[in-house]
Amino acid sequence: MPSKTTVPEVGWSSPSTIRASVDLPDPDSPTIARVLARGSRNDTPSTARDSTRRHGAPRDSR
């Protein structure tokens, strides 16, 4: 007895794997956050600064 299932030549999908698509409206604002370049903001706490700046760097004598 021949099979009663027919499969298209290009592809096959079962009803359980077909995904529904939903059209959503465009966002009101950009969805990608702006990131500042590293170092453009002072991220170093004042307690972690270089000790040569705190005590003063040696001066050149001329």
N, C-alpha and C. Protein backbone atom coordinates (compact mmCIF):
# COMPACT_ATOMS: atom_id res chain seq x y z
N MET A 1 0.85 -1.18 0.00
CA MET A 1 0.00 0.00 0.00
C MET A 1 0.90 1.24 0.00
N PRO A 2 0.69 2.22 -0.89
CA PRO A 2 1.51 3.43 -0.94
C PRO A 2 1.26 4.34 0.26
N SER A 3 2.26 5.14 0.60
CA SER A 3 2.16 6.08 1.72
C SER A 3 1.17 7.18 1.38
N LYS A 4 0.39 7.63 2.38
CA LYS A 4 -0.60 8.68 2.17
C LYS A 4 -0.04 10.06 2.55
N THR A 5 1.19 10.11 3.03
CA THR A 5 1.81 11.38 3.40
C THR A 5 2.52 11.94 2.18
N THR A 6 2.26 13.19 1.87
CA THR A 6 2.97 13.85 0.77
C THR A 6 3.86 14.95 1.33
N VAL A 7 5.04 15.03 0.82
CA VAL A 7 6.01 16.02 1.28
C VAL A 7 6.42 16.86 0.07
N PRO A 8 6.41 18.20 0.20
CA PRO A 8 6.85 19.02 -0.93
C PRO A 8 8.31 18.77 -1.27
N GLU A 9 8.68 18.99 -2.52
CA GLU A 9 10.05 18.74 -2.94
C GLU A 9 11.04 19.71 -2.32
N VAL A 10 10.62 20.94 -2.01
CA VAL A 10 11.53 21.97 -1.52
C VAL A 10 11.78 21.83 -0.03
N GLY A 11 10.79 21.56 0.76
CA GLY A 11 10.96 21.49 2.21
C GLY A 11 9.74 20.89 2.88
N TRP A 12 9.80 20.80 4.19
CA TRP A 12 8.70 20.20 4.94
C TRP A 12 8.64 20.85 6.30
N SER A 13 7.44 21.08 6.80
CA SER A 13 7.28 21.59 8.16
C SER A 13 5.99 21.04 8.72
N SER A 14 6.04 20.76 10.00
CA SER A 14 4.83 20.26 10.66
C SER A 14 4.13 21.44 11.33
N PRO A 15 2.84 21.36 11.54
CA PRO A 15 2.11 22.47 12.16
C PRO A 15 2.64 22.85 13.55
N SER A 16 3.24 21.92 14.27
CA SER A 16 3.73 22.23 15.62
C SER A 16 5.01 23.08 15.59
N THR A 17 5.73 23.11 14.47
CA THR A 17 6.96 23.88 14.42
C THR A 17 6.81 25.21 13.69
N ILE A 18 5.64 25.51 13.17
CA ILE A 18 5.42 26.79 12.51
C ILE A 18 5.29 27.87 13.57
N ARG A 19 6.12 28.90 13.48
CA ARG A 19 6.12 29.97 14.48
C ARG A 19 5.25 31.13 14.02
N ALA A 20 4.49 31.66 14.95
CA ALA A 20 3.66 32.82 14.65
C ALA A 20 4.52 34.07 14.66
N SER A 21 4.23 35.02 13.80
CA SER A 21 4.96 36.28 13.81
C SER A 21 4.01 37.39 14.24
N VAL A 22 4.56 38.35 14.97
CA VAL A 22 3.77 39.46 15.49
C VAL A 22 4.41 40.75 15.00
N ASP A 23 3.62 41.62 14.42
CA ASP A 23 4.11 42.93 14.00
C ASP A 23 4.00 43.90 15.15
N LEU A 24 5.14 44.45 15.57
CA LEU A 24 5.18 45.42 16.67
C LEU A 24 5.43 46.81 16.10
N PRO A 25 4.95 47.85 16.78
CA PRO A 25 5.21 49.21 16.30
C PRO A 25 6.68 49.58 16.49
N ASP A 26 7.14 50.55 15.72
CA ASP A 26 8.51 51.04 15.85
C ASP A 26 8.69 51.70 17.22
N PRO A 27 9.88 51.59 17.83
CA PRO A 27 10.12 52.22 19.13
C PRO A 27 10.10 53.74 19.02
N ASP A 28 9.79 54.41 20.12
CA ASP A 28 9.76 55.87 20.14
C ASP A 28 11.15 56.48 20.16
N SER A 29 12.13 55.75 20.67
CA SER A 29 13.49 56.26 20.76
C SER A 29 14.46 55.17 20.30
N PRO A 30 15.72 55.52 20.09
CA PRO A 30 16.70 54.50 19.68
C PRO A 30 16.79 53.38 20.71
N THR A 31 16.99 52.16 20.23
CA THR A 31 17.08 51.02 21.13
C THR A 31 18.51 50.70 21.53
N ILE A 32 19.50 51.33 20.89
CA ILE A 32 20.91 51.08 21.23
C ILE A 32 21.39 52.21 22.13
N ALA A 33 21.88 51.85 23.30
CA ALA A 33 22.37 52.86 24.24
C ALA A 33 23.66 53.47 23.73
N ARG A 34 23.84 54.75 23.96
CA ARG A 34 25.09 55.41 23.59
C ARG A 34 26.13 55.12 24.66
N VAL A 35 27.29 54.68 24.24
CA VAL A 35 28.37 54.36 25.17
C VAL A 35 29.49 55.35 24.93
N LEU A 36 29.92 56.01 25.99
CA LEU A 36 31.02 56.96 25.89
C LEU A 36 32.33 56.20 25.77
N ALA A 37 33.29 56.80 25.09
CA ALA A 37 34.61 56.19 24.96
C ALA A 37 35.24 56.05 26.34
N ARG A 38 36.00 55.01 26.53
CA ARG A 38 36.64 54.77 27.82
C ARG A 38 37.60 55.90 28.13
N GLY A 39 37.52 56.39 29.34
CA GLY A 39 38.40 57.47 29.76
C GLY A 39 37.79 58.84 29.55
N SER A 40 36.63 58.92 28.95
CA SER A 40 36.02 60.24 28.76
C SER A 40 35.36 60.73 30.04
N ARG A 41 35.28 59.86 31.01
CA ARG A 41 34.68 60.22 32.29
C ARG A 41 35.66 59.78 33.38
N ASN A 42 35.72 60.49 34.48
CA ASN A 42 36.65 60.14 35.54
C ASN A 42 36.06 59.01 36.37
N ASP A 43 36.52 57.77 36.10
CA ASP A 43 36.02 56.60 36.82
C ASP A 43 36.90 56.24 38.01
N THR A 44 38.03 56.90 38.19
CA THR A 44 38.95 56.56 39.27
C THR A 44 38.55 57.31 40.53
N PRO A 45 38.28 56.58 41.61
CA PRO A 45 37.94 57.27 42.86
C PRO A 45 39.13 58.08 43.37
N SER A 46 38.88 59.13 44.11
CA SER A 46 39.96 60.01 44.58
C SER A 46 40.94 59.28 45.49
N THR A 47 40.52 58.21 46.15
CA THR A 47 41.42 57.47 47.05
C THR A 47 42.38 56.57 46.29
N ALA A 48 42.18 56.38 44.99
CA ALA A 48 43.02 55.48 44.22
C ALA A 48 43.96 56.22 43.27
N ARG A 49 44.12 57.50 43.45
CA ARG A 49 44.97 58.28 42.55
C ARG A 49 46.45 57.95 42.75
N ASP A 50 47.25 58.31 41.78
CA ASP A 50 48.68 58.07 41.80
C ASP A 50 49.32 58.85 42.95
N SER A 51 50.20 58.19 43.71
CA SER A 51 50.80 58.83 44.88
C SER A 51 51.72 59.99 44.49
N THR A 52 52.30 59.98 43.28
CA THR A 52 53.17 61.09 42.88
C THR A 52 52.37 62.37 42.71
N ARG A 53 51.13 62.27 42.39
CA ARG A 53 50.31 63.47 42.28
C ARG A 53 49.93 63.99 43.66
N ARG A 54 49.73 63.11 44.61
CA ARG A 54 49.32 63.53 45.94
C ARG A 54 50.46 64.24 46.66
N HIS A 55 51.70 63.71 46.52
CA HIS A 55 52.84 64.28 47.23
C HIS A 55 53.63 65.25 46.36
N GLY A 56 53.30 65.32 45.11
CA GLY A 56 54.01 66.22 44.21
C GLY A 56 55.16 65.51 43.52
N ALA A 57 55.25 65.69 42.26
CA ALA A 57 56.33 65.07 41.48
C ALA A 57 57.61 65.88 41.68
N PRO A 58 58.78 65.22 41.65
CA PRO A 58 60.04 65.96 41.81
C PRO A 58 60.21 66.96 40.68
N ARG A 59 60.76 68.13 41.01
CA ARG A 59 60.95 69.19 40.02
C ARG A 59 62.35 69.09 39.44
N ASP A 60 62.45 69.50 38.19
CA ASP A 60 63.77 69.57 37.55
C ASP A 60 64.47 70.82 38.03
N SER A 61 65.74 70.68 38.46
CA SER A 61 66.50 71.88 38.87
C SER A 61 67.34 72.34 37.70
N ARG A 62 67.27 73.61 37.39
CA ARG A 62 68.02 74.15 36.24
C ARG A 62 68.98 75.18 36.70
